[in-house]
C-alpha atoms as a PDB file:
ATOM      1  CA  MET A   1     -16.725   2.055 -16.537  1.00  0.00           C
ATOM      2  CA  ALA A   2     -14.901   0.971 -13.383  1.00  0.00           C
ATOM      3  CA  ASP A   3     -15.184  -2.691 -14.453  1.00  0.00           C
ATOM      4  CA  GLU A   4     -13.604  -1.826 -17.770  1.00  0.00           C
ATOM      5  CA  MET A   5     -10.699  -0.051 -16.004  1.00  0.00           C
ATOM      6  CA  GLN A   6     -10.146  -3.040 -13.687  1.00  0.00           C
ATOM      7  CA  HIS A   7     -10.152  -5.382 -16.667  1.00  0.00           C
ATOM      8  CA  HIS A   8      -7.658  -3.160 -18.482  1.00  0.00           C
ATOM      9  CA  ASP A   9      -5.385  -3.089 -15.358  1.00  0.00           C
ATOM     10  CA  ALA A  10      -5.598  -6.844 -15.061  1.00  0.00           C
ATOM     11  CA  LEU A  11      -4.528  -7.327 -18.601  1.00  0.00           C
ATOM     12  CA  ALA A  12      -1.698  -4.807 -18.275  1.00  0.00           C
ATOM     13  CA  ALA A  13      -0.423  -6.706 -15.202  1.00  0.00           C
ATOM     14  CA  HIS A  14       0.486  -9.680 -17.433  1.00  0.00           C
ATOM     15  CA  ARG A  15       2.050  -7.804 -20.396  1.00  0.00           C
ATOM     16  CA  LEU A  16       5.784  -7.790 -21.010  1.00  0.00           C
ATOM     17  CA  LEU A  17       5.733  -4.432 -22.724  1.00  0.00           C
ATOM     18  CA  LEU A  18       3.539  -1.498 -21.758  1.00  0.00           C
ATOM     19  CA  THR A  19       2.530   1.656 -23.535  1.00  0.00           C
ATOM     20  CA  PRO A  20       3.613   4.865 -21.885  1.00  0.00           C
ATOM     21  CA  GLU A  21       0.039   5.392 -20.681  1.00  0.00           C
ATOM     22  CA  GLU A  22       0.029   1.869 -19.063  1.00  0.00           C
ATOM     23  CA  ALA A  23       3.440   2.501 -17.503  1.00  0.00           C
ATOM     24  CA  ALA A  24       2.195   5.723 -16.021  1.00  0.00           C
ATOM     25  CA  THR A  25      -0.793   3.887 -14.515  1.00  0.00           C
ATOM     26  CA  VAL A  26       1.467   1.172 -13.064  1.00  0.00           C
ATOM     27  CA  LEU A  27       3.735   3.827 -11.423  1.00  0.00           C
ATOM     28  CA  ARG A  28       0.742   6.060 -10.575  1.00  0.00           C
ATOM     29  CA  ILE A  29       2.300   9.126 -12.226  1.00  0.00           C
ATOM     30  CA  GLY A  30       1.303  11.225 -15.202  1.00  0.00           C
ATOM     31  CA  GLN A  31       1.929  10.245 -18.810  1.00  0.00           C
ATOM     32  CA  THR A  32       3.859  13.492 -19.325  1.00  0.00           C
ATOM     33  CA  THR A  33       6.222  12.417 -16.485  1.00  0.00           C
ATOM     34  CA  ILE A  34       6.828   9.082 -18.241  1.00  0.00           C
ATOM     35  CA  TYR A  35       7.854  10.930 -21.474  1.00  0.00           C
ATOM     36  CA  ALA A  36      10.056  13.301 -19.420  1.00  0.00           C
ATOM     37  CA  LEU A  37      11.779  10.281 -17.743  1.00  0.00           C
ATOM     38  CA  MET A  38      12.384   8.723 -21.188  1.00  0.00           C
ATOM     39  CA  LYS A  39      13.783  11.995 -22.592  1.00  0.00           C
ATOM     40  CA  ALA A  40      16.079  12.371 -19.583  1.00  0.00           C
ATOM     41  CA  GLY A  41      17.324   8.810 -20.024  1.00  0.00           C
ATOM     42  CA  ASP A  42      15.909   7.586 -16.699  1.00  0.00           C
ATOM     43  CA  LEU A  43      13.544   5.166 -18.485  1.00  0.00           C
ATOM     44  CA  HIS A  44      14.737   3.217 -21.505  1.00  0.00           C
ATOM     45  CA  PRO A  45      11.926   2.405 -23.949  1.00  0.00           C
ATOM     46  CA  VAL A  46      11.814  -0.287 -26.560  1.00  0.00           C
ATOM     47  CA  HIS A  47      10.901   0.884 -30.117  1.00  0.00           C
ATOM     48  CA  ILE A  48       8.997  -1.500 -32.362  1.00  0.00           C
ATOM     49  CA  GLY A  49       8.511   0.269 -35.650  1.00  0.00           C
ATOM     50  CA  ARG A  50       7.007   3.601 -34.705  1.00  0.00           C
ATOM     51  CA  SER A  51       5.617   2.264 -31.415  1.00  0.00           C
ATOM     52  CA  CYS A  52       7.222   3.014 -28.092  1.00  0.00           C
ATOM     53  CA  ARG A  53       6.909   0.516 -25.254  1.00  0.00           C
ATOM     54  CA  ILE A  54       8.459   0.178 -21.772  1.00  0.00           C
ATOM     55  CA  SER A  55       9.214  -3.236 -20.345  1.00  0.00           C
ATOM     56  CA  ARG A  56       8.054  -4.199 -16.866  1.00  0.00           C
ATOM     57  CA  VAL A  57      11.647  -5.040 -16.030  1.00  0.00           C
ATOM     58  CA  GLU A  58      12.668  -1.443 -16.962  1.00  0.00           C
ATOM     59  CA  LEU A  59       9.993  -0.057 -14.606  1.00  0.00           C
ATOM     60  CA  GLU A  60      11.278  -2.344 -11.831  1.00  0.00           C
ATOM     61  CA  ARG A  61      14.791  -1.139 -12.432  1.00  0.00           C
ATOM     62  CA  TYR A  62      13.769   2.478 -12.301  1.00  0.00           C
ATOM     63  CA  VAL A  63      11.901   1.980  -8.978  1.00  0.00           C
ATOM     64  CA  SER A  64      14.935   0.061  -7.572  1.00  0.00           C
ATOM     65  CA  ARG A  65      17.297   2.926  -8.612  1.00  0.00           C
ATOM     66  CA  LEU A  66      14.994   5.410  -6.850  1.00  0.00           C
ATOM     67  CA  ALA A  67      14.887   3.300  -3.711  1.00  0.00           C
ATOM     68  CA  ALA A  68      18.688   2.887  -3.712  1.00  0.00           C
ATOM     69  CA  ALA A  69      19.241   6.626  -4.107  1.00  0.00           C
ATOM     70  CA  GLU A  70      16.809   7.264  -1.265  1.00  0.00           C
ATOM     71  CA  ARG A  71      18.657   4.799   1.009  1.00  0.00           C
ATOM     72  CA  ALA A  72      21.979   6.359   0.060  1.00  0.00           C
ATOM     73  CA  SER A  73      20.808   9.884   0.893  1.00  0.00           C
ATOM     74  CA  ALA A  74      19.254   8.716   4.156  1.00  0.00           C
ATOM     75  CA  GLY A  75      22.574   7.140   5.205  1.00  0.00           C
ATOM     76  CA  ARG A  76      24.459  10.420   4.970  1.00  0.00           C
END
């Protein structure tokens, strides 16, 4: 089971688009939080047909915005 999870994580590391579940794993947060961030407009998904995906670049932008906000509040 652990080997299967490591294999899944390794494959996800090379994907351009991630499912909300995979994005949650990458950020180490819950899947419900991913959906809440999308609904709030903090994460911008890509829709392909009825499928919802989040790009790695979008995840990196989100983390960068969090880090910038943290630096800005620490400088006050």
